C-alpha atoms as a PDB file:
ATOM      1  CA  UNK A   1       0.000   0.000   0.000  1.00  0.00           C
ATOM      2  CA  UNK A   2       1.277   3.479  -0.871  1.00  0.00           C
ATOM      3  CA  UNK A   3       1.726   6.225   1.696  1.00  0.00           C
ATOM      4  CA  UNK A   4      -0.488   8.681  -0.175  1.00  0.00           C
ATOM      5  CA  UNK A   5      -3.632   7.577   1.675  1.00  0.00           C
ATOM      6  CA  UNK A   6      -2.170   6.538   5.017  1.00  0.00           C
ATOM      7  CA  UNK A   7      -2.846   8.202   8.360  1.00  0.00           C
ATOM      8  CA  UNK A   8      -6.398   9.403   7.650  1.00  0.00           C
ATOM      9  CA  UNK A   9      -7.123   9.948  11.330  1.00  0.00           C
ATOM     10  CA  UNK A  10     -10.168  12.163  10.739  1.00  0.00           C
ATOM     11  CA  UNK A  11     -11.906   9.509   8.620  1.00  0.00           C
ATOM     12  CA  UNK A  12     -14.297   7.284  10.592  1.00  0.00           C
ATOM     13  CA  UNK A  13     -13.140   3.692  11.009  1.00  0.00           C
ATOM     14  CA  UNK A  14     -15.919   2.312   8.799  1.00  0.00           C
ATOM     15  CA  UNK A  15     -15.849   0.600   5.420  1.00  0.00           C
ATOM     16  CA  UNK A  16     -15.943   3.007   2.485  1.00  0.00           C
ATOM     17  CA  UNK A  17     -19.170   1.324   1.303  1.00  0.00           C
ATOM     18  CA  UNK A  18     -20.874   2.166   4.594  1.00  0.00           C
ATOM     19  CA  UNK A  19     -19.841   5.837   4.407  1.00  0.00           C
ATOM     20  CA  UNK A  20     -21.109   6.056   0.840  1.00  0.00           C
ATOM     21  CA  UNK A  21     -24.437   4.456   1.784  1.00  0.00           C
ATOM     22  CA  UNK A  22     -24.894   6.782   4.768  1.00  0.00           C
ATOM     23  CA  UNK A  23     -24.432   9.761   2.441  1.00  0.00           C
ATOM     24  CA  UNK A  24     -26.787   8.300  -0.160  1.00  0.00           C
ATOM     25  CA  UNK A  25     -23.897   8.275  -2.640  1.00  0.00           C
ATOM     26  CA  UNK A  26     -22.476   5.822  -5.158  1.00  0.00           C
ATOM     27  CA  UNK A  27     -19.258   5.489  -7.078  1.00  0.00           C
ATOM     28  CA  UNK A  28     -19.349   5.063 -10.846  1.00  0.00           C
ATOM     29  CA  UNK A  29     -16.513   2.541 -10.621  1.00  0.00           C
ATOM     30  CA  UNK A  30     -17.170  -1.128  -9.914  1.00  0.00           C
ATOM     31  CA  UNK A  31     -14.700  -1.926  -7.161  1.00  0.00           C
ATOM     32  CA  UNK A  32     -12.638  -5.082  -6.804  1.00  0.00           C
ATOM     33  CA  UNK A  33     -11.970  -4.310  -3.132  1.00  0.00           C
ATOM     34  CA  UNK A  34     -14.063  -6.261  -0.610  1.00  0.00           C
ATOM     35  CA  UNK A  35     -17.212  -4.632   0.750  1.00  0.00           C
ATOM     36  CA  UNK A  36     -15.509  -4.038   4.097  1.00  0.00           C
ATOM     37  CA  UNK A  37     -12.489  -2.242   2.572  1.00  0.00           C
ATOM     38  CA  UNK A  38     -11.491   0.958   4.380  1.00  0.00           C
ATOM     39  CA  UNK A  39     -11.380   4.321   2.665  1.00  0.00           C
ATOM     40  CA  UNK A  40      -7.589   4.228   2.197  1.00  0.00           C
ATOM     41  CA  UNK A  41      -7.763   0.917   0.301  1.00  0.00           C
ATOM     42  CA  UNK A  42     -10.602   2.090  -1.928  1.00  0.00           C
ATOM     43  CA  UNK A  43      -8.826   5.383  -2.654  1.00  0.00           C
ATOM     44  CA  UNK A  44      -5.746   3.430  -3.691  1.00  0.00           C
ATOM     45  CA  UNK A  45      -7.782   1.230  -6.022  1.00  0.00           C
ATOM     46  CA  UNK A  46      -9.496   4.257  -7.539  1.00  0.00           C
ATOM     47  CA  UNK A  47      -6.127   5.966  -7.993  1.00  0.00           C
ATOM     48  CA  UNK A  48      -4.723   2.923  -9.812  1.00  0.00           C
ATOM     49  CA  UNK A  49      -7.657   3.154 -12.246  1.00  0.00           C
ATOM     50  CA  UNK A  50      -7.381   6.936 -12.668  1.00  0.00           C
ATOM     51  CA  UNK A  51     -10.913   7.399 -11.312  1.00  0.00           C
ATOM     52  CA  UNK A  52     -10.313  10.839  -9.813  1.00  0.00           C
ATOM     53  CA  UNK A  53     -14.002  11.875  -9.830  1.00  0.00           C
ATOM     54  CA  UNK A  54     -14.822   8.877  -7.653  1.00  0.00           C
ATOM     55  CA  UNK A  55     -11.834   9.710  -5.459  1.00  0.00           C
ATOM     56  CA  UNK A  56     -13.232  13.192  -4.873  1.00  0.00           C
ATOM     57  CA  UNK A  57     -16.648  11.661  -4.193  1.00  0.00           C
ATOM     58  CA  UNK A  58     -15.236   9.234  -1.646  1.00  0.00           C
ATOM     59  CA  UNK A  59     -13.300  11.979   0.124  1.00  0.00           C
ATOM     60  CA  UNK A  60     -16.497  14.042   0.330  1.00  0.00           C
ATOM     61  CA  UNK A  61     -18.333  11.283   2.214  1.00  0.00           C
ATOM     62  CA  UNK A  62     -15.317  10.373   4.359  1.00  0.00           C
ATOM     63  CA  UNK A  63     -14.448  13.719   5.901  1.00  0.00           C
ATOM     64  CA  UNK A  64     -16.361  14.793   9.020  1.00  0.00           C
ATOM     65  CA  UNK A  65     -18.863  17.584   8.200  1.00  0.00           C
ATOM     66  CA  UNK A  66     -16.841  20.526   9.520  1.00  0.00           C
ATOM     67  CA  UNK A  67     -13.666  19.367   7.790  1.00  0.00           C
ATOM     68  CA  UNK A  68     -15.621  18.728   4.611  1.00  0.00           C
ATOM     69  CA  UNK A  69     -16.980  22.290   4.682  1.00  0.00           C
ATOM     70  CA  UNK A  70     -13.425  23.576   5.046  1.00  0.00           C
ATOM     71  CA  UNK A  71     -12.381  21.475   2.028  1.00  0.00           C
ATOM     72  CA  UNK A  72     -15.221  23.090   0.071  1.00  0.00           C
ATOM     73  CA  UNK A  73     -14.208  26.570   1.255  1.00  0.00           C
ATOM     74  CA  UNK A  74     -10.685  26.047  -0.080  1.00  0.00           C
ATOM     75  CA  UNK A  75     -12.198  24.999  -3.409  1.00  0.00           C
ATOM     76  CA  UNK A  76     -14.402  28.108  -3.233  1.00  0.00           C
ATOM     77  CA  UNK A  77     -11.267  30.226  -2.995  1.00  0.00           C
ATOM     78  CA  UNK A  78      -9.925  28.408  -6.079  1.00  0.00           C
ATOM     79  CA  UNK A  79     -13.122  29.321  -7.921  1.00  0.00           C
ATOM     80  CA  UNK A  80     -12.941  32.965  -6.877  1.00  0.00           C
ATOM     81  CA  UNK A  81      -9.274  33.353  -7.749  1.00  0.00           C
ATOM     82  CA  UNK A  82      -8.412  37.028  -7.415  1.00  0.00           C
ATOM     83  CA  UNK A  83     -12.020  38.085  -6.791  1.00  0.00           C
ATOM     84  CA  UNK A  84     -13.092  39.348  -3.389  1.00  0.00           C
ATOM     85  CA  UNK A  85     -14.353  36.735  -0.953  1.00  0.00           C
ATOM     86  CA  UNK A  86     -18.120  36.387  -1.315  1.00  0.00           C
ATOM     87  CA  UNK A  87     -20.638  36.701   1.505  1.00  0.00           C
ATOM     88  CA  UNK A  88     -21.430  32.978   1.355  1.00  0.00           C
ATOM     89  CA  UNK A  89     -17.784  31.924   1.461  1.00  0.00           C
ATOM     90  CA  UNK A  90     -16.983  34.339   4.288  1.00  0.00           C
ATOM     91  CA  UNK A  91     -19.946  33.079   6.338  1.00  0.00           C
ATOM     92  CA  UNK A  92     -19.014  29.433   5.726  1.00  0.00           C
ATOM     93  CA  UNK A  93     -15.378  30.009   6.709  1.00  0.00           C
ATOM     94  CA  UNK A  94     -16.430  31.881   9.835  1.00  0.00           C
ATOM     95  CA  UNK A  95     -18.651  28.933  10.806  1.00  0.00           C
ATOM     96  CA  UNK A  96     -15.763  26.480  10.256  1.00  0.00           C
ATOM     97  CA  UNK A  97     -13.495  28.453  12.602  1.00  0.00           C
ATOM     98  CA  UNK A  98     -16.248  28.894  15.181  1.00  0.00           C
ATOM     99  CA  UNK A  99     -19.208  26.533  14.594  1.00  0.00           C
ATOM    100  CA  UNK A 100     -21.655  28.414  16.823  1.00  0.00           C
ATOM    101  CA  UNK A 101     -25.387  28.828  16.296  1.00  0.00           C
ATOM    102  CA  UNK A 102     -24.829  32.570  15.837  1.00  0.00           C
ATOM    103  CA  UNK A 103     -22.411  31.923  12.983  1.00  0.00           C
ATOM    104  CA  UNK A 104     -24.752  29.330  11.539  1.00  0.00           C
ATOM    105  CA  UNK A 105     -27.512  31.968  11.550  1.00  0.00           C
ATOM    106  CA  UNK A 106     -25.159  34.232   9.583  1.00  0.00           C
ATOM    107  CA  UNK A 107     -24.685  31.423   7.055  1.00  0.00           C
ATOM    108  CA  UNK A 108     -28.456  31.172   6.705  1.00  0.00           C
ATOM    109  CA  UNK A 109     -28.764  34.955   6.197  1.00  0.00           C
ATOM    110  CA  UNK A 110     -26.000  34.845   3.575  1.00  0.00           C
ATOM    111  CA  UNK A 111     -27.931  32.173   1.676  1.00  0.00           C
ATOM    112  CA  UNK A 112     -31.219  34.082   1.953  1.00  0.00           C
ATOM    113  CA  UNK A 113     -29.662  37.281   0.612  1.00  0.00           C
ATOM    114  CA  UNK A 114     -27.187  35.717  -1.814  1.00  0.00           C
ATOM    115  CA  UNK A 115     -26.006  37.629  -4.867  1.00  0.00           C
ATOM    116  CA  UNK A 116     -26.937  35.810  -8.068  1.00  0.00           C
ATOM    117  CA  UNK A 117     -23.280  35.857  -9.120  1.00  0.00           C
ATOM    118  CA  UNK A 118     -22.032  34.132  -5.953  1.00  0.00           C
ATOM    119  CA  UNK A 119     -20.395  30.883  -7.070  1.00  0.00           C
ATOM    120  CA  UNK A 120     -19.771  29.808  -3.475  1.00  0.00           C
ATOM    121  CA  UNK A 121     -23.317  29.108  -2.316  1.00  0.00           C
ATOM    122  CA  UNK A 122     -22.423  25.413  -2.061  1.00  0.00           C
ATOM    123  CA  UNK A 123     -19.955  26.267   0.734  1.00  0.00           C
ATOM    124  CA  UNK A 124     -22.649  28.056   2.720  1.00  0.00           C
ATOM    125  CA  UNK A 125     -25.196  25.311   2.077  1.00  0.00           C
ATOM    126  CA  UNK A 126     -22.732  22.736   3.395  1.00  0.00           C
ATOM    127  CA  UNK A 127     -22.059  24.843   6.504  1.00  0.00           C
ATOM    128  CA  UNK A 128     -25.778  25.294   7.126  1.00  0.00           C
ATOM    129  CA  UNK A 129     -26.441  21.541   7.042  1.00  0.00           C
ATOM    130  CA  UNK A 130     -23.177  20.396   8.685  1.00  0.00           C
ATOM    131  CA  UNK A 131     -24.638  20.108  12.213  1.00  0.00           C
ATOM    132  CA  UNK A 132     -27.162  17.611  10.811  1.00  0.00           C
ATOM    133  CA  UNK A 133     -30.305  19.725  10.724  1.00  0.00           C
ATOM    134  CA  UNK A 134     -31.916  22.139   8.267  1.00  0.00           C
ATOM    135  CA  UNK A 135     -30.665  25.199  10.114  1.00  0.00           C
ATOM    136  CA  UNK A 136     -30.700  27.171  13.338  1.00  0.00           C
ATOM    137  CA  UNK A 137     -33.734  27.973  15.462  1.00  0.00           C
ATOM    138  CA  UNK A 138     -36.903  26.054  14.659  1.00  0.00           C
ATOM    139  CA  UNK A 139     -35.196  24.458  11.637  1.00  0.00           C
ATOM    140  CA  UNK A 140     -33.014  22.521  14.076  1.00  0.00           C
ATOM    141  CA  UNK A 141     -36.028  20.269  14.721  1.00  0.00           C
ATOM    142  CA  UNK A 142     -35.719  18.849  11.202  1.00  0.00           C
ATOM    143  CA  UNK A 143     -32.956  16.542   9.998  1.00  0.00           C
ATOM    144  CA  UNK A 144     -30.868  17.678   7.038  1.00  0.00           C
ATOM    145  CA  UNK A 145     -31.055  15.513   3.906  1.00  0.00           C
ATOM    146  CA  UNK A 146     -28.699  12.523   3.945  1.00  0.00           C
ATOM    147  CA  UNK A 147     -25.552  13.400   2.066  1.00  0.00           C
ATOM    148  CA  UNK A 148     -26.322  17.113   1.754  1.00  0.00           C
ATOM    149  CA  UNK A 149     -22.955  18.171   3.132  1.00  0.00           C
ATOM    150  CA  UNK A 150     -20.910  15.689   1.117  1.00  0.00           C
ATOM    151  CA  UNK A 151     -22.815  16.445  -2.100  1.00  0.00           C
ATOM    152  CA  UNK A 152     -22.386  20.205  -1.841  1.00  0.00           C
ATOM    153  CA  UNK A 153     -18.699  19.874  -0.941  1.00  0.00           C
ATOM    154  CA  UNK A 154     -18.147  17.433  -3.799  1.00  0.00           C
ATOM    155  CA  UNK A 155     -19.897  19.875  -6.138  1.00  0.00           C
ATOM    156  CA  UNK A 156     -17.702  22.763  -5.007  1.00  0.00           C
ATOM    157  CA  UNK A 157     -14.557  20.727  -5.660  1.00  0.00           C
ATOM    158  CA  UNK A 158     -15.805  19.645  -9.088  1.00  0.00           C
ATOM    159  CA  UNK A 159     -16.487  23.306  -9.885  1.00  0.00           C
ATOM    160  CA  UNK A 160     -12.945  24.207  -8.795  1.00  0.00           C
ATOM    161  CA  UNK A 161     -11.497  21.867 -11.437  1.00  0.00           C
ATOM    162  CA  UNK A 162     -12.408  24.439 -14.098  1.00  0.00           C
ATOM    163  CA  UNK A 163     -10.678  27.271 -12.266  1.00  0.00           C
ATOM    164  CA  UNK A 164      -7.310  25.724 -11.420  1.00  0.00           C
ATOM    165  CA  UNK A 165      -4.785  26.511 -14.121  1.00  0.00           C
ATOM    166  CA  UNK A 166      -3.735  22.895 -14.550  1.00  0.00           C
ATOM    167  CA  UNK A 167      -4.596  19.959 -16.778  1.00  0.00           C
ATOM    168  CA  UNK A 168      -7.733  18.364 -15.348  1.00  0.00           C
ATOM    169  CA  UNK A 169      -6.034  15.257 -13.904  1.00  0.00           C
ATOM    170  CA  UNK A 170      -3.395  17.396 -12.137  1.00  0.00           C
ATOM    171  CA  UNK A 171      -6.085  19.731 -10.809  1.00  0.00           C
ATOM    172  CA  UNK A 172      -7.975  16.718  -9.470  1.00  0.00           C
ATOM    173  CA  UNK A 173      -4.798  15.404  -7.821  1.00  0.00           C
ATOM    174  CA  UNK A 174      -4.364  18.762  -6.093  1.00  0.00           C
ATOM    175  CA  UNK A 175      -7.930  18.684  -4.725  1.00  0.00           C
ATOM    176  CA  UNK A 176      -7.519  15.039  -3.665  1.00  0.00           C
ATOM    177  CA  UNK A 177      -4.230  15.777  -1.895  1.00  0.00           C
ATOM    178  CA  UNK A 178      -5.880  18.711  -0.147  1.00  0.00           C
ATOM    179  CA  UNK A 179      -8.719  16.481   1.077  1.00  0.00           C
ATOM    180  CA  UNK A 180      -6.238  13.820   2.199  1.00  0.00           C
ATOM    181  CA  UNK A 181      -4.254  16.443   4.115  1.00  0.00           C
ATOM    182  CA  UNK A 182      -7.429  17.522   5.916  1.00  0.00           C
ATOM    183  CA  UNK A 183      -8.250  13.872   6.624  1.00  0.00           C
ATOM    184  CA  UNK A 184      -4.847  13.567   8.282  1.00  0.00           C
ATOM    185  CA  UNK A 185      -5.619  16.517  10.541  1.00  0.00           C
ATOM    186  CA  UNK A 186      -3.957  19.187   8.407  1.00  0.00           C
ATOM    187  CA  UNK A 187      -5.465  22.425   7.145  1.00  0.00           C
ATOM    188  CA  UNK A 188      -5.485  21.426   3.476  1.00  0.00           C
ATOM    189  CA  UNK A 189      -3.089  24.194   2.591  1.00  0.00           C
ATOM    190  CA  UNK A 190       0.023  22.074   2.846  1.00  0.00           C
ATOM    191  CA  UNK A 191      -1.029  20.315  -0.343  1.00  0.00           C
ATOM    192  CA  UNK A 192       0.970  22.534  -2.702  1.00  0.00           C
ATOM    193  CA  UNK A 193      -0.276  22.925  -6.226  1.00  0.00           C
ATOM    194  CA  UNK A 194       2.205  22.070  -8.959  1.00  0.00           C
ATOM    195  CA  UNK A 195       2.898  24.963 -11.270  1.00  0.00           C
ATOM    196  CA  UNK A 196       2.389  24.193 -14.932  1.00  0.00           C
END
């Protein structure tokens, strides 16, 4: 086994198939790994097949919600490039650093008043649902949709592929390495992007 996917201490100790099922997600690839294979083994198999979309999908269901939102926020910054940070991205990042109900309310307000040109609404949506309910206040009585956080974070990373100035496979590798770094307990910023 390679070292690329070792030490994923933030990833729950469950089979990859179980994490995918809990998030109501599927991989496009038919795996040869056993049904009880851990995330690191499945990521290695997907890497050997060049199935980077499925790798991103598996990372999205494997990271804990708060870490997954952070992964999406980093992708949101890739999408924005030199543009100013949007209201949705700022609110989502603030929630990641301090996941309080007050900050979650600010995420909800950002989504309710979002600018039509804000490409980072997926970050805010992920932050809103990350605690497992539809939102703060009375919305906390209702469970968030299964897989809402992972799907929005996956979507944000897929969107970022178009904005990184790299060939698509290299851009995907950068996003994967970032997610793996977060899964190891890092901040995702130690995954340096290769310059083309």
